[in-house]
C-alpha cells in the first residue's frame, strides 16, 4: 500500500469519526486496514476493528502480523476475540 494511503487511513481512524471509519472498514481492502491498524497501538486499534461486522473483523485480523495479532488479542475482550474466530 502506498505510504500516503496508509497515513490517510491512520489519520481517518485517529480522528474518531465513527461514520467515516465505518465506511472505510467496509470499502477498503482488509490488508490496507490491517496496515493502518498496525500503525496504531492495540488499544487504539480495537475500537476501530470493533466497528466492523464480525466476518470483516476476521478478514482484517488475518492480515495483521502475527506479533501484532498476539498483542491485539491481549487487549480484546475474550468473548469478542472468540467471536472473530467462530
PDB file of N, CA and C in Angstrom:
ATOM      1  N   UNK A   1       0.848  -1.165   0.000  1.00  0.00           N
ATOM      2  CA  UNK A   1       0.000   0.000   0.000  1.00  0.00           C
ATOM      3  C   UNK A   1       0.900   1.236   0.000  1.00  0.00           C
ATOM      4  N   UNK A   2       0.549   2.237  -0.790  1.00  0.00           N
ATOM      5  CA  UNK A   2       1.339   3.470  -0.784  1.00  0.00           C
ATOM      6  C   UNK A   2       1.319   4.137   0.593  1.00  0.00           C
ATOM      7  N   UNK A   3       2.453   4.736   0.954  1.00  0.00           N
ATOM      8  CA  UNK A   3       2.572   5.413   2.258  1.00  0.00           C
ATOM      9  C   UNK A   3       1.477   6.449   2.453  1.00  0.00           C
ATOM     10  N   UNK A   4       1.135   7.177   1.391  1.00  0.00           N
ATOM     11  CA  UNK A   4       0.120   8.226   1.522  1.00  0.00           C
ATOM     12  C   UNK A   4      -1.233   7.636   1.908  1.00  0.00           C
ATOM     13  N   UNK A   5      -1.571   6.489   1.338  1.00  0.00           N
ATOM     14  CA  UNK A   5      -2.845   5.848   1.673  1.00  0.00           C
ATOM     15  C   UNK A   5      -2.812   5.342   3.113  1.00  0.00           C
ATOM     16  N   UNK A   6      -1.689   4.780   3.522  1.00  0.00           N
ATOM     17  CA  UNK A   6      -1.541   4.304   4.893  1.00  0.00           C
ATOM     18  C   UNK A   6      -1.757   5.454   5.868  1.00  0.00           C
ATOM     19  N   UNK A   7      -1.090   6.571   5.620  1.00  0.00           N
ATOM     20  CA  UNK A   7      -1.223   7.729   6.509  1.00  0.00           C
ATOM     21  C   UNK A   7      -2.643   8.288   6.487  1.00  0.00           C
ATOM     22  N   UNK A   8      -3.279   8.236   5.327  1.00  0.00           N
ATOM     23  CA  UNK A   8      -4.665   8.706   5.210  1.00  0.00           C
ATOM     24  C   UNK A   8      -5.587   7.866   6.091  1.00  0.00           C
ATOM     25  N   UNK A   9      -5.428   6.552   6.035  1.00  0.00           N
ATOM     26  CA  UNK A   9      -6.268   5.668   6.848  1.00  0.00           C
ATOM     27  C   UNK A   9      -5.991   5.843   8.335  1.00  0.00           C
ATOM     28  N   UNK A  10      -4.723   5.918   8.713  1.00  0.00           N
ATOM     29  CA  UNK A  10      -4.373   6.116  10.123  1.00  0.00           C
ATOM     30  C   UNK A  10      -4.977   7.420  10.619  1.00  0.00           C
ATOM     31  N   UNK A  11      -4.859   8.472   9.823  1.00  0.00           N
ATOM     32  CA  UNK A  11      -5.420   9.774  10.194  1.00  0.00           C
ATOM     33  C   UNK A  11      -6.932   9.687  10.341  1.00  0.00           C
ATOM     34  N   UNK A  12      -7.567   9.021   9.405  1.00  0.00           N
ATOM     35  CA  UNK A  12      -9.029   8.870   9.443  1.00  0.00           C
ATOM     36  C   UNK A  12      -9.462   8.131  10.705  1.00  0.00           C
ATOM     37  N   UNK A  13      -8.807   7.031  10.994  1.00  0.00           N
ATOM     38  CA  UNK A  13      -9.161   6.246  12.176  1.00  0.00           C
ATOM     39  C   UNK A  13      -8.861   7.007  13.462  1.00  0.00           C
ATOM     40  N   UNK A  14      -7.796   7.782  13.467  1.00  0.00           N
ATOM     41  CA  UNK A  14      -7.396   8.521  14.669  1.00  0.00           C
ATOM     42  C   UNK A  14      -8.352   9.662  14.999  1.00  0.00           C
ATOM     43  N   UNK A  15      -9.038  10.180  13.994  1.00  0.00           N
ATOM     44  CA  UNK A  15      -9.982  11.279  14.228  1.00  0.00           C
ATOM     45  C   UNK A  15     -11.186  10.840  15.048  1.00  0.00           C
ATOM     46  N   UNK A  16     -11.493   9.560  15.001  1.00  0.00           N
ATOM     47  CA  UNK A  16     -12.614   9.051  15.785  1.00  0.00           C
ATOM     48  C   UNK A  16     -13.975   9.289  15.162  1.00  0.00           C
ATOM     49  N   UNK A  17     -14.020   9.601  13.873  1.00  0.00           N
ATOM     50  CA  UNK A  17     -15.293   9.782  13.171  1.00  0.00           C
ATOM     51  C   UNK A  17     -15.874   8.394  12.889  1.00  0.00           C
ATOM     52  N   UNK A  18     -16.832   8.003  13.699  1.00  0.00           N
ATOM     53  CA  UNK A  18     -17.382   6.647  13.624  1.00  0.00           C
ATOM     54  C   UNK A  18     -17.978   6.360  12.250  1.00  0.00           C
ATOM     55  N   UNK A  19     -18.713   7.300  11.704  1.00  0.00           N
ATOM     56  CA  UNK A  19     -19.355   7.083  10.409  1.00  0.00           C
ATOM     57  C   UNK A  19     -18.314   6.895   9.302  1.00  0.00           C
ATOM     58  N   UNK A  20     -17.319   7.762   9.261  1.00  0.00           N
ATOM     59  CA  UNK A  20     -16.285   7.651   8.224  1.00  0.00           C
ATOM     60  C   UNK A  20     -15.456   6.380   8.417  1.00  0.00           C
ATOM     61  N   UNK A  21     -15.147   6.044   9.658  1.00  0.00           N
ATOM     62  CA  UNK A  21     -14.403   4.808   9.926  1.00  0.00           C
ATOM     63  C   UNK A  21     -15.202   3.602   9.461  1.00  0.00           C
ATOM     64  N   UNK A  22     -16.505   3.628   9.690  1.00  0.00           N
ATOM     65  CA  UNK A  22     -17.370   2.529   9.275  1.00  0.00           C
ATOM     66  C   UNK A  22     -17.354   2.370   7.756  1.00  0.00           C
ATOM     67  N   UNK A  23     -17.387   3.490   7.055  1.00  0.00           N
ATOM     68  CA  UNK A  23     -17.327   3.445   5.591  1.00  0.00           C
ATOM     69  C   UNK A  23     -16.001   2.840   5.142  1.00  0.00           C
ATOM     70  N   UNK A  24     -14.915   3.277   5.749  1.00  0.00           N
ATOM     71  CA  UNK A  24     -13.590   2.765   5.392  1.00  0.00           C
ATOM     72  C   UNK A  24     -13.471   1.275   5.690  1.00  0.00           C
ATOM     73  N   UNK A  25     -14.040   0.846   6.810  1.00  0.00           N
ATOM     74  CA  UNK A  25     -13.958  -0.567   7.191  1.00  0.00           C
ATOM     75  C   UNK A  25     -14.642  -1.468   6.176  1.00  0.00           C
ATOM     76  N   UNK A  26     -15.653  -0.952   5.493  1.00  0.00           N
ATOM     77  CA  UNK A  26     -16.359  -1.769   4.507  1.00  0.00           C
ATOM     78  C   UNK A  26     -15.826  -1.588   3.091  1.00  0.00           C
ATOM     79  N   UNK A  27     -15.190  -0.441   2.813  1.00  0.00           N
ATOM     80  CA  UNK A  27     -14.798  -0.162   1.431  1.00  0.00           C
ATOM     81  C   UNK A  27     -13.323  -0.427   1.116  1.00  0.00           C
ATOM     82  N   UNK A  28     -12.466  -0.375   2.105  1.00  0.00           N
ATOM     83  CA  UNK A  28     -11.032  -0.579   1.865  1.00  0.00           C
ATOM     84  C   UNK A  28     -10.685  -2.068   1.924  1.00  0.00           C
ATOM     85  N   UNK A  29      -9.601  -2.432   1.287  1.00  0.00           N
ATOM     86  CA  UNK A  29      -9.145  -3.826   1.323  1.00  0.00           C
ATOM     87  C   UNK A  29      -8.705  -4.165   2.748  1.00  0.00           C
ATOM     88  N   UNK A  30      -9.020  -5.374   3.229  1.00  0.00           N
ATOM     89  CA  UNK A  30      -8.640  -5.752   4.598  1.00  0.00           C
ATOM     90  C   UNK A  30      -7.144  -5.606   4.887  1.00  0.00           C
ATOM     91  N   UNK A  31      -6.299  -5.850   3.894  1.00  0.00           N
ATOM     92  CA  UNK A  31      -4.851  -5.703   4.108  1.00  0.00           C
ATOM     93  C   UNK A  31      -4.481  -4.243   4.359  1.00  0.00           C
ATOM     94  N   UNK A  32      -5.160  -3.324   3.672  1.00  0.00           N
ATOM     95  CA  UNK A  32      -4.896  -1.897   3.878  1.00  0.00           C
ATOM     96  C   UNK A  32      -5.342  -1.467   5.267  1.00  0.00           C
ATOM     97  N   UNK A  33      -6.488  -1.957   5.689  1.00  0.00           N
ATOM     98  CA  UNK A  33      -6.979  -1.631   7.029  1.00  0.00           C
ATOM     99  C   UNK A  33      -6.026  -2.197   8.074  1.00  0.00           C
ATOM    100  N   UNK A  34      -5.594  -3.437   7.876  1.00  0.00           N
ATOM    101  CA  UNK A  34      -4.657  -4.061   8.821  1.00  0.00           C
ATOM    102  C   UNK A  34      -3.369  -3.252   8.912  1.00  0.00           C
ATOM    103  N   UNK A  35      -2.868  -2.791   7.787  1.00  0.00           N
ATOM    104  CA  UNK A  35      -1.655  -1.979   7.791  1.00  0.00           C
ATOM    105  C   UNK A  35      -1.827  -0.707   8.597  1.00  0.00           C
ATOM    106  N   UNK A  36      -2.973  -0.073   8.453  1.00  0.00           N
ATOM    107  CA  UNK A  36      -3.246   1.154   9.205  1.00  0.00           C
ATOM    108  C   UNK A  36      -3.399   0.860  10.691  1.00  0.00           C
ATOM    109  N   UNK A  37      -4.092  -0.215  11.025  1.00  0.00           N
ATOM    110  CA  UNK A  37      -4.292  -0.558  12.438  1.00  0.00           C
ATOM    111  C   UNK A  37      -2.966  -0.860  13.121  1.00  0.00           C
ATOM    112  N   UNK A  38      -2.044  -1.467  12.386  1.00  0.00           N
ATOM    113  CA  UNK A  38      -0.742  -1.797  12.967  1.00  0.00           C
ATOM    114  C   UNK A  38       0.075  -0.556  13.289  1.00  0.00           C
ATOM    115  N   UNK A  39      -0.257   0.556  12.666  1.00  0.00           N
ATOM    116  CA  UNK A  39       0.411   1.817  12.975  1.00  0.00           C
ATOM    117  C   UNK A  39      -0.106   2.405  14.288  1.00  0.00           C
ATOM    118  N   UNK A  40      -1.232   1.895  14.741  1.00  0.00           N
ATOM    119  CA  UNK A  40      -1.829   2.350  15.997  1.00  0.00           C
ATOM    120  C   UNK A  40      -1.507   1.294  17.058  1.00  0.00           C
ATOM    121  N   UNK A  41      -1.540   1.642  18.289  1.00  0.00           N
ATOM    122  CA  UNK A  41      -1.368   0.644  19.340  1.00  0.00           C
ATOM    123  C   UNK A  41      -2.583  -0.261  19.391  1.00  0.00           C
ATOM    124  N   UNK A  42      -2.432  -1.466  19.943  1.00  0.00           N
ATOM    125  CA  UNK A  42      -3.567  -2.383  20.028  1.00  0.00           C
ATOM    126  C   UNK A  42      -4.778  -1.777  20.739  1.00  0.00           C
ATOM    127  N   UNK A  43      -4.524  -0.961  21.758  1.00  0.00           N
ATOM    128  CA  UNK A  43      -5.636  -0.352  22.488  1.00  0.00           C
ATOM    129  C   UNK A  43      -6.401   0.631  21.605  1.00  0.00           C
ATOM    130  N   UNK A  44      -5.712   1.270  20.667  1.00  0.00           N
ATOM    131  CA  UNK A  44      -6.366   2.182  19.734  1.00  0.00           C
ATOM    132  C   UNK A  44      -6.981   1.464  18.548  1.00  0.00           C
ATOM    133  N   UNK A  45      -6.422   0.316  18.201  1.00  0.00           N
ATOM    134  CA  UNK A  45      -6.904  -0.430  17.043  1.00  0.00           C
ATOM    135  C   UNK A  45      -8.211  -1.165  17.330  1.00  0.00           C
ATOM    136  N   UNK A  46      -8.354  -1.678  18.548  1.00  0.00           N
ATOM    137  CA  UNK A  46      -9.543  -2.476  18.837  1.00  0.00           C
ATOM    138  C   UNK A  46     -10.842  -1.689  18.685  1.00  0.00           C
ATOM    139  N   UNK A  47     -10.954  -0.463  19.187  1.00  0.00           N
ATOM    140  CA  UNK A  47     -12.219   0.262  18.984  1.00  0.00           C
ATOM    141  C   UNK A  47     -12.565   0.442  17.501  1.00  0.00           C
ATOM    142  N   UNK A  48     -11.559   0.595  16.659  1.00  0.00           N
ATOM    143  CA  UNK A  48     -11.805   0.717  15.218  1.00  0.00           C
ATOM    144  C   UNK A  48     -12.264  -0.629  14.664  1.00  0.00           C
ATOM    145  N   UNK A  49     -11.503  -1.671  14.936  1.00  0.00           N
ATOM    146  CA  UNK A  49     -11.835  -3.006  14.439  1.00  0.00           C
ATOM    147  C   UNK A  49     -13.196  -3.461  14.951  1.00  0.00           C
ATOM    148  N   UNK A  50     -13.527  -3.094  16.155  1.00  0.00           N
ATOM    149  CA  UNK A  50     -14.801  -3.483  16.754  1.00  0.00           C
ATOM    150  C   UNK A  50     -15.990  -2.871  16.018  1.00  0.00           C
ATOM    151  N   UNK A  51     -15.745  -1.821  15.230  1.00  0.00           N
ATOM    152  CA  UNK A  51     -16.815  -1.194  14.463  1.00  0.00           C
ATOM    153  C   UNK A  51     -17.202  -1.961  13.213  1.00  0.00           C
ATOM    154  N   UNK A  52     -16.439  -2.973  12.869  1.00  0.00           N
ATOM    155  CA  UNK A  52     -16.722  -3.776  11.675  1.00  0.00           C
ATOM    156  C   UNK A  52     -17.582  -4.980  12.048  1.00  0.00           C
ATOM    157  N   UNK A  53     -18.278  -5.510  11.057  1.00  0.00           N
ATOM    158  CA  UNK A  53     -19.037  -6.748  11.251  1.00  0.00           C
ATOM    159  C   UNK A  53     -18.056  -7.880  11.548  1.00  0.00           C
ATOM    160  N   UNK A  54     -18.502  -8.893  12.280  1.00  0.00           N
ATOM    161  CA  UNK A  54     -17.608  -9.991  12.690  1.00  0.00           C
ATOM    162  C   UNK A  54     -16.875 -10.648  11.520  1.00  0.00           C
ATOM    163  N   UNK A  55     -17.562 -10.978  10.414  1.00  0.00           N
ATOM    164  CA  UNK A  55     -16.808 -11.593   9.310  1.00  0.00           C
ATOM    165  C   UNK A  55     -15.708 -10.671   8.775  1.00  0.00           C
ATOM    166  N   UNK A  56     -15.986  -9.379   8.750  1.00  0.00           N
ATOM    167  CA  UNK A  56     -14.990  -8.412   8.281  1.00  0.00           C
ATOM    168  C   UNK A  56     -13.843  -8.314   9.284  1.00  0.00           C
ATOM    169  N   UNK A  57     -14.161  -8.383  10.585  1.00  0.00           N
ATOM    170  CA  UNK A  57     -13.117  -8.380  11.610  1.00  0.00           C
ATOM    171  C   UNK A  57     -12.155  -9.541  11.378  1.00  0.00           C
ATOM    172  N   UNK A  58     -12.710 -10.708  11.080  1.00  0.00           N
ATOM    173  CA  UNK A  58     -11.879 -11.893  10.845  1.00  0.00           C
ATOM    174  C   UNK A  58     -10.993 -11.697   9.615  1.00  0.00           C
ATOM    175  N   UNK A  59     -11.557 -11.114   8.552  1.00  0.00           N
ATOM    176  CA  UNK A  59     -10.767 -10.851   7.345  1.00  0.00           C
ATOM    177  C   UNK A  59      -9.588  -9.936   7.656  1.00  0.00           C
ATOM    178  N   UNK A  60      -9.860  -8.853   8.372  1.00  0.00           N
ATOM    179  CA  UNK A  60      -8.817  -7.878   8.702  1.00  0.00           C
ATOM    180  C   UNK A  60      -7.787  -8.503   9.635  1.00  0.00           C
ATOM    181  N   UNK A  61      -8.261  -9.207  10.662  1.00  0.00           N
ATOM    182  CA  UNK A  61      -7.372  -9.827  11.646  1.00  0.00           C
ATOM    183  C   UNK A  61      -6.366 -10.747  10.961  1.00  0.00           C
ATOM    184  N   UNK A  62      -6.818 -11.457   9.934  1.00  0.00           N
ATOM    185  CA  UNK A  62      -5.946 -12.377   9.211  1.00  0.00           C
ATOM    186  C   UNK A  62      -4.787 -11.706   8.496  1.00  0.00           C
ATOM    187  N   UNK A  63      -4.903 -10.436   8.197  1.00  0.00           N
ATOM    188  CA  UNK A  63      -3.833  -9.698   7.527  1.00  0.00           C
ATOM    189  C   UNK A  63      -2.860  -9.040   8.496  1.00  0.00           C
ATOM    190  N   UNK A  64      -3.153  -9.055   9.778  1.00  0.00           N
ATOM    191  CA  UNK A  64      -2.245  -8.470  10.767  1.00  0.00           C
ATOM    192  C   UNK A  64      -1.027  -9.372  10.945  1.00  0.00           C
ATOM    193  N   UNK A  65       0.131  -8.777  11.201  1.00  0.00           N
ATOM    194  CA  UNK A  65       1.323  -9.564  11.515  1.00  0.00           C
ATOM    195  C   UNK A  65       1.047 -10.410  12.754  1.00  0.00           C
ATOM    196  N   UNK A  66       1.662 -11.582  12.821  1.00  0.00           N
ATOM    197  CA  UNK A  66       1.406 -12.497  13.938  1.00  0.00           C
ATOM    198  C   UNK A  66       1.706 -11.871  15.295  1.00  0.00           C
ATOM    199  N   UNK A  67       2.800 -11.136  15.392  1.00  0.00           N
ATOM    200  CA  UNK A  67       3.127 -10.485  16.666  1.00  0.00           C
ATOM    201  C   UNK A  67       2.052  -9.480  17.053  1.00  0.00           C
ATOM    202  N   UNK A  68       1.557  -8.742  16.072  1.00  0.00           N
ATOM    203  CA  UNK A  68       0.517  -7.750  16.352  1.00  0.00           C
ATOM    204  C   UNK A  68      -0.794  -8.452  16.712  1.00  0.00           C
ATOM    205  N   UNK A  69      -1.082  -9.569  16.050  1.00  0.00           N
ATOM    206  CA  UNK A  69      -2.276 -10.340  16.411  1.00  0.00           C
ATOM    207  C   UNK A  69      -2.224 -10.722  17.882  1.00  0.00           C
ATOM    208  N   UNK A  70      -1.064 -11.178  18.331  1.00  0.00           N
ATOM    209  CA  UNK A  70      -0.910 -11.588  19.734  1.00  0.00           C
ATOM    210  C   UNK A  70      -1.098 -10.401  20.667  1.00  0.00           C
ATOM    211  N   UNK A  71      -0.532  -9.256  20.315  1.00  0.00           N
ATOM    212  CA  UNK A  71      -0.700  -8.056  21.144  1.00  0.00           C
ATOM    213  C   UNK A  71      -2.159  -7.629  21.190  1.00  0.00           C
ATOM    214  N   UNK A  72      -2.791  -7.627  20.035  1.00  0.00           N
ATOM    215  CA  UNK A  72      -4.191  -7.219  19.959  1.00  0.00           C
ATOM    216  C   UNK A  72      -5.081  -8.186  20.726  1.00  0.00           C
ATOM    217  N   UNK A  73      -4.766  -9.468  20.650  1.00  0.00           N
ATOM    218  CA  UNK A  73      -5.570 -10.479  21.343  1.00  0.00           C
ATOM    219  C   UNK A  73      -5.583 -10.267  22.850  1.00  0.00           C
ATOM    220  N   UNK A  74      -4.524  -9.681  23.394  1.00  0.00           N
ATOM    221  CA  UNK A  74      -4.494  -9.440  24.841  1.00  0.00           C
ATOM    222  C   UNK A  74      -5.316  -8.222  25.240  1.00  0.00           C
ATOM    223  N   UNK A  75      -5.697  -7.386  24.271  1.00  0.00           N
ATOM    224  CA  UNK A  75      -6.483  -6.198  24.605  1.00  0.00           C
ATOM    225  C   UNK A  75      -7.954  -6.325  24.216  1.00  0.00           C
ATOM    226  N   UNK A  76      -8.300  -7.394  23.519  1.00  0.00           N
ATOM    227  CA  UNK A  76      -9.689  -7.624  23.110  1.00  0.00           C
ATOM    228  C   UNK A  76     -10.377  -8.479  24.170  1.00  0.00           C
ATOM    229  N   UNK A  77     -11.593  -8.124  24.562  1.00  0.00           N
ATOM    230  CA  UNK A  77     -12.322  -8.998  25.490  1.00  0.00           C
ATOM    231  C   UNK A  77     -12.426 -10.417  24.913  1.00  0.00           C
ATOM    232  N   UNK A  78     -12.277 -11.401  25.771  1.00  0.00           N
ATOM    233  CA  UNK A  78     -12.249 -12.810  25.324  1.00  0.00           C
ATOM    234  C   UNK A  78     -13.453 -13.201  24.473  1.00  0.00           C
ATOM    235  N   UNK A  79     -14.638 -12.771  24.865  1.00  0.00           N
ATOM    236  CA  UNK A  79     -15.841 -13.129  24.106  1.00  0.00           C
ATOM    237  C   UNK A  79     -15.780 -12.552  22.690  1.00  0.00           C
ATOM    238  N   UNK A  80     -15.282 -11.332  22.564  1.00  0.00           N
ATOM    239  CA  UNK A  80     -15.158 -10.717  21.243  1.00  0.00           C
ATOM    240  C   UNK A  80     -14.092 -11.421  20.412  1.00  0.00           C
ATOM    241  N   UNK A  81     -12.982 -11.762  21.042  1.00  0.00           N
ATOM    242  CA  UNK A  81     -11.920 -12.473  20.338  1.00  0.00           C
ATOM    243  C   UNK A  81     -12.425 -13.826  19.838  1.00  0.00           C
ATOM    244  N   UNK A  82     -13.136 -14.530  20.683  1.00  0.00           N
ATOM    245  CA  UNK A  82     -13.689 -15.829  20.283  1.00  0.00           C
ATOM    246  C   UNK A  82     -14.662 -15.675  19.118  1.00  0.00           C
ATOM    247  N   UNK A  83     -15.464 -14.620  19.136  1.00  0.00           N
ATOM    248  CA  UNK A  83     -16.447 -14.403  18.071  1.00  0.00           C
ATOM    249  C   UNK A  83     -15.770 -14.144  16.723  1.00  0.00           C
ATOM    250  N   UNK A  84     -14.604 -13.531  16.744  1.00  0.00           N
ATOM    251  CA  UNK A  84     -13.877 -13.278  15.497  1.00  0.00           C
ATOM    252  C   UNK A  84     -13.498 -14.599  14.832  1.00  0.00           C
ATOM    253  N   UNK A  85     -13.194 -15.604  15.637  1.00  0.00           N
ATOM    254  CA  UNK A  85     -12.732 -16.886  15.102  1.00  0.00           C
ATOM    255  C   UNK A  85     -13.840 -17.904  14.885  1.00  0.00           C
ATOM    256  N   UNK A  86     -15.037 -17.588  15.251  1.00  0.00           N
ATOM    257  CA  UNK A  86     -16.143 -18.545  15.096  1.00  0.00           C
ATOM    258  C   UNK A  86     -16.753 -18.466  13.729  1.00  0.00           C
TER     259      UNK A  86
END
